Every structure is written in C-alpha cells, then in structure tokens.
Protein backbone atom coordinates (compact mmCIF):
# COMPACT_ATOMS: atom_id res chain seq x y z
CA MET A 1 0.00 0.00 0.01
CA LYS A 2 1.32 3.44 -1.04
CA VAL A 3 0.52 6.56 0.96
CA LYS A 4 0.74 10.16 -0.31
CA TYR A 5 0.30 13.11 2.02
CA PHE A 6 -1.24 16.20 0.23
CA GLY A 7 -1.25 18.23 3.40
CA HIS A 8 -3.47 19.22 6.37
CA ALA A 9 -5.60 16.06 6.83
CA SER A 10 -5.63 14.77 3.26
CA PHE A 11 -3.98 11.52 2.05
CA LEU A 12 -4.08 9.28 -1.00
CA PHE A 13 -3.89 5.55 -0.35
CA THR A 14 -3.19 3.28 -3.36
CA SER A 15 -3.39 -0.46 -3.40
CA ALA A 16 -1.17 -2.85 -5.25
CA ALA A 17 -4.08 -3.33 -7.67
CA GLY A 18 -4.33 0.36 -8.34
CA VAL A 19 -7.40 1.26 -6.19
CA ARG A 20 -7.10 4.85 -5.03
CA VAL A 21 -8.69 6.24 -1.84
CA ILE A 22 -8.47 9.94 -1.02
CA ALA A 23 -9.26 11.15 2.57
CA ASP A 24 -10.48 14.64 3.59
CA PRO A 25 -9.62 16.76 0.58
CA TYR A 26 -9.45 20.39 1.62
CA THR A 27 -10.40 23.74 -0.02
CA ALA A 28 -7.20 25.47 -1.03
CA GLY A 29 -7.19 29.18 -0.13
CA LYS A 30 -5.96 31.75 2.43
CA ASP A 31 -6.24 29.55 5.55
CA ILE A 32 -5.05 26.38 3.75
CA GLY A 33 -2.25 27.38 1.41
CA TYR A 34 -1.59 23.99 -0.04
CA GLY A 35 -2.45 23.40 -3.71
CA LYS A 36 -5.74 21.84 -4.86
CA VAL A 37 -6.28 18.10 -4.49
CA GLU A 38 -6.88 17.25 -8.09
CA GLU A 39 -5.85 13.55 -8.45
CA ALA A 40 -8.05 10.70 -9.55
CA ALA A 41 -9.67 8.45 -6.99
CA ASP A 42 -11.94 5.40 -6.76
CA VAL A 43 -13.37 6.39 -3.42
CA VAL A 44 -13.30 9.63 -1.34
CA LEU A 45 -13.68 9.70 2.45
CA VAL A 46 -15.05 12.83 4.15
CA SER A 47 -14.99 12.90 7.86
CA HIS A 48 -17.26 15.87 8.17
CA ASP A 49 -18.68 18.75 6.06
CA HIS A 50 -16.11 21.53 6.86
CA GLY A 51 -14.31 23.17 3.95
CA ASP A 52 -10.85 22.04 5.07
CA HIS A 53 -12.03 18.37 4.83
CA ASN A 54 -14.82 18.07 2.24
CA ASP A 55 -13.76 19.68 -1.09
CA VAL A 56 -14.34 16.97 -3.63
CA ARG A 57 -14.86 19.31 -6.60
CA PHE A 58 -11.45 18.79 -8.23
CA ILE A 59 -11.02 15.09 -7.69
CA ARG A 60 -11.05 13.23 -11.01
CA GLY A 61 -12.97 10.12 -11.82
CA ARG A 62 -16.37 10.89 -10.29
CA PRO A 63 -15.74 8.64 -7.34
CA PRO A 64 -18.39 7.75 -4.67
CA VAL A 65 -18.05 9.84 -1.52
CA LEU A 66 -18.36 8.24 1.88
CA LYS A 67 -19.32 10.50 4.71
CA GLU A 68 -21.66 8.46 6.98
CA LYS A 69 -21.27 5.92 9.73
CA GLY A 70 -21.60 2.19 8.95
CA ALA A 71 -20.00 -0.37 6.64
CA LYS A 72 -19.73 -0.30 2.87
CA GLU A 73 -17.62 -2.23 0.37
CA ILE A 74 -16.30 -0.52 -2.81
CA LYS A 75 -13.78 -1.94 -5.26
CA GLY A 76 -13.18 -4.91 -2.95
CA ILE A 77 -12.28 -2.70 0.06
CA LYS A 78 -14.50 -2.72 3.10
CA PHE A 79 -14.88 0.68 4.75
CA THR A 80 -16.24 1.25 8.27
CA GLY A 81 -17.36 4.69 9.49
CA VAL A 82 -17.25 5.07 13.23
CA PRO A 83 -19.32 7.99 14.67
CA THR A 84 -17.40 10.40 16.88
CA PHE A 85 -17.47 14.14 17.59
CA HIS A 86 -15.52 17.22 16.37
CA ASP A 87 -15.39 18.51 20.00
CA ASP A 88 -15.34 17.39 23.58
CA ALA A 89 -18.99 18.39 24.11
CA ALA A 90 -20.83 15.65 22.17
CA GLY A 91 -20.90 17.76 19.03
CA ARG A 92 -22.57 20.82 20.49
CA LYS A 93 -19.61 23.06 19.53
CA ARG A 94 -18.55 21.77 16.17
CA GLY A 95 -20.70 18.81 15.13
CA ASN A 96 -20.09 15.24 14.31
CA ASN A 97 -16.99 13.54 12.88
CA ILE A 98 -16.62 10.14 11.23
CA VAL A 99 -13.59 7.98 11.78
CA PHE A 100 -12.91 5.83 8.77
CA CYS A 101 -11.19 2.44 8.88
CA PHE A 102 -10.35 0.15 6.04
CA GLU A 103 -7.86 -2.58 5.07
CA MET A 104 -5.72 -2.28 1.97
CA ASP A 105 -3.16 -4.97 0.97
CA GLY A 106 -3.45 -6.47 4.41
CA VAL A 107 -2.65 -3.19 6.14
CA ARG A 108 -5.49 -1.69 8.29
CA VAL A 109 -5.74 2.10 8.10
CA CYS A 110 -7.62 4.40 10.44
CA HIS A 111 -8.15 8.05 9.60
CA LEU A 112 -9.48 10.02 12.59
CA GLY A 113 -10.67 13.10 10.77
CA ASP A 114 -11.17 16.00 13.10
CA LEU A 115 -11.53 13.93 16.22
CA GLY A 116 -12.08 16.35 19.17
CA HIS A 117 -12.19 14.00 22.22
CA GLN A 118 -10.72 10.90 23.75
CA LEU A 119 -12.11 7.58 22.41
CA ASP A 120 -14.37 5.62 24.75
CA GLY A 121 -14.25 1.82 25.00
CA ALA A 122 -17.01 1.37 22.49
CA ALA A 123 -15.29 3.44 19.88
CA VAL A 124 -12.01 1.64 20.36
CA VAL A 125 -13.73 -1.70 19.89
CA ALA A 126 -15.59 -0.40 16.80
CA ILE A 127 -12.32 0.84 15.28
CA GLY A 128 -10.56 -2.50 16.06
CA TRP A 129 -6.95 -3.21 15.30
CA VAL A 130 -4.97 -0.54 13.52
CA ASP A 131 -1.75 -0.70 11.57
CA VAL A 132 -1.49 2.83 10.25
CA LEU A 133 -3.16 5.71 12.21
CA CYS A 134 -3.74 9.16 10.72
CA VAL A 135 -4.18 11.30 13.77
CA PRO A 136 -4.73 15.15 14.15
CA VAL A 137 -2.28 16.66 16.61
CA GLY A 138 -2.71 20.47 16.31
CA GLY A 139 -5.39 21.14 18.90
CA TYR A 140 -7.84 24.01 19.04
CA TYR A 141 -10.24 22.42 16.54
CA THR A 142 -9.26 18.87 17.33
CA ILE A 143 -7.39 16.86 19.94
CA ASP A 144 -4.12 18.49 20.85
CA ALA A 145 -0.61 16.88 21.15
CA GLY A 146 -1.20 15.37 24.58
CA GLU A 147 -4.67 14.10 23.72
CA ALA A 148 -3.37 12.63 20.41
CA THR A 149 -0.70 10.76 22.39
CA ALA A 150 -3.41 9.22 24.58
CA VAL A 151 -5.49 8.28 21.63
CA CYS A 152 -2.51 6.58 20.01
CA THR A 153 -1.90 4.63 23.19
CA SER A 154 -5.53 3.44 23.24
CA LEU A 155 -5.39 2.28 19.63
CA SER A 156 -1.79 0.86 19.63
CA PRO A 157 -1.01 1.38 15.92
CA LYS A 158 2.20 0.22 14.41
CA VAL A 159 2.65 3.48 12.43
CA ILE A 160 1.37 6.92 13.31
CA LEU A 161 1.03 9.63 10.52
CA PRO A 162 0.49 13.00 12.20
CA MET A 163 -1.82 15.44 10.44
CA HIS A 164 -3.85 18.68 10.94
CA TYR A 165 -1.02 20.78 12.32
CA ARG A 166 0.31 24.18 11.61
CA THR A 167 2.87 24.77 8.85
CA ALA A 168 4.00 27.80 6.84
CA LYS A 169 0.97 27.13 4.61
CA VAL A 170 -1.72 26.74 7.30
CA GLN A 171 -2.96 29.85 8.98
CA TYR A 172 -5.24 28.18 11.52
CA PRO A 173 -4.39 28.78 15.23
CA ILE A 174 -3.22 25.16 15.68
CA GLY A 175 0.03 23.76 17.01
CA PRO A 176 2.97 22.50 14.96
CA VAL A 177 3.81 18.77 14.64
CA ASP A 178 6.88 19.30 16.89
CA ASP A 179 4.55 19.66 19.94
CA PHE A 180 3.37 16.06 19.30
CA LEU A 181 6.85 14.72 18.57
CA LYS A 182 8.51 16.13 21.60
CA GLY A 183 10.05 13.45 23.80
CA LYS A 184 8.90 10.57 21.63
CA MET A 185 10.96 7.74 20.28
CA GLY A 186 10.75 6.11 16.86
CA VAL A 187 10.26 9.36 14.96
CA LYS A 188 11.04 9.38 11.19
CA ARG A 189 10.98 12.65 9.28
CA LEU A 190 10.88 11.86 5.57
CA ASP A 191 11.95 14.38 2.97
CA ALA A 192 9.14 12.99 0.77
CA SER A 193 5.43 13.14 0.60
CA GLU A 194 5.07 9.44 -0.25
CA THR A 195 5.92 6.17 1.48
CA GLU A 196 4.84 2.55 1.28
CA PHE A 197 3.77 0.08 3.90
CA LYS A 198 3.67 -3.75 3.49
CA ALA A 199 1.78 -6.12 5.76
CA GLY A 200 4.77 -8.31 6.52
CA SER A 201 7.25 -5.45 7.07
CA LEU A 202 5.52 -3.15 9.60
CA PRO A 203 7.54 -2.05 12.55
CA ALA A 204 7.45 -4.15 15.72
CA GLY A 205 7.07 -1.11 17.94
CA MET A 206 5.16 2.15 17.45
CA GLU A 207 6.75 4.38 14.86
CA ILE A 208 5.87 7.99 13.91
CA VAL A 209 6.36 8.87 10.24
CA VAL A 210 6.22 12.64 9.41
CA LEU A 211 5.54 13.09 5.67
CA LYS A 212 6.34 16.23 3.70
CA PRO A 213 3.17 17.84 2.25
CA ALA A 214 3.03 17.23 -1.47
CA LEU A 215 1.08 20.35 -2.37
C-alpha cells in the first residue's frame, strides 16, 4: 500500500491493484495554502462537512463519496465509518466526525478526521486493530498533542501519521507537529510526501512517520 500526503488532513492511499482512496480533501485558499487536491480516486472519504475536509470538486474520476457511519464495500475494500465528535461536548460546539477504517493490501488504516475527544471503549472496539493511524495533533479544533498521544496509546497502531497541524501554509491557530513529537521515540521525518507500507514489514514497535506535504 502506498501513501501520499497532500497536506493538512488529506491523504491518498493506493493499493497494489491500483485502487485509489483519498481522505479529507481540503479547500485550497488563504487559511489552507496547499495546492488543490486534483488527483483521480476510486473512493473519497469525508470525515465531516467543513471546507478544510470536504472539497471533492477537483477530484477526477467521479468517485463515490463516503461521509456516513456504517459499513460499505467498494472496489473490494471494506470501509467502516465510526461515529465520533468534532469536539469534547458531544458535538454541540462543532458537530459530528466520522472516523474511517479500511484494510488495503493486508494493512489496516484508520483516519481520525477532526476527532475532538478521547475515544471511549465502544469506539476503540468499533475501530478495532490499527496498523496505520492518521491522527490530528494540532489542537484548538481537534485533539491536541497530549490528547493525540493518549488516543495513539488506546489504539496501539504500528505506524502513526500526524496530520492537521500548523505549517507555513496553514493559517489556523493550531500547534505544529513538533509539539506532538517532543520526547517521543521512533520518529522518522521523511523528505518526501510518499511512502509505502507492507503487511509483512511493519515495525514491531510504534513508529511515527512525518511526511512532507506534497502540495
């Protein structure tokens, strides 16, 4: 399975058979200064209907868009949407959020979207085992660095891909990725926006991979 990080909370996952899944494409503009997400996809995952996570206008291929809880199979891949919240007040501040999980080439991926709270036991069970976890770490609109660390502990992924943090191209009042990385072992900063994970070659311990935004 290949992974490409566009920026903010948006990724492209590509299977060995060429099935392409894009998660949380953003609206490029003043607050999100990355380029438009314009690649082709077979499926698009949208965790919630905010502009920095739901701009599907420029994605090629007219793919189906998943944005609801529940299970669905597309192109041989089973997707599960787990209902959560965008805040720590049961959605009263910023609404709902869908955590999406799917397995590709034997690697189970979990994209947390704009998760805004700690996961309870029911959510952890619904998510199940995780190999690669895309976790927001910037705070303010989502869980912050400390809360993200606790979520990672509860899900025990083999690989953590931090997302939704401040960079020179993001003007939101959120924290940088370094706040999350501070004091942690197993950090790999790649000078690349793409990497690959294979089911038989995942790290034995928890590894944090920081990808360079592609756009």
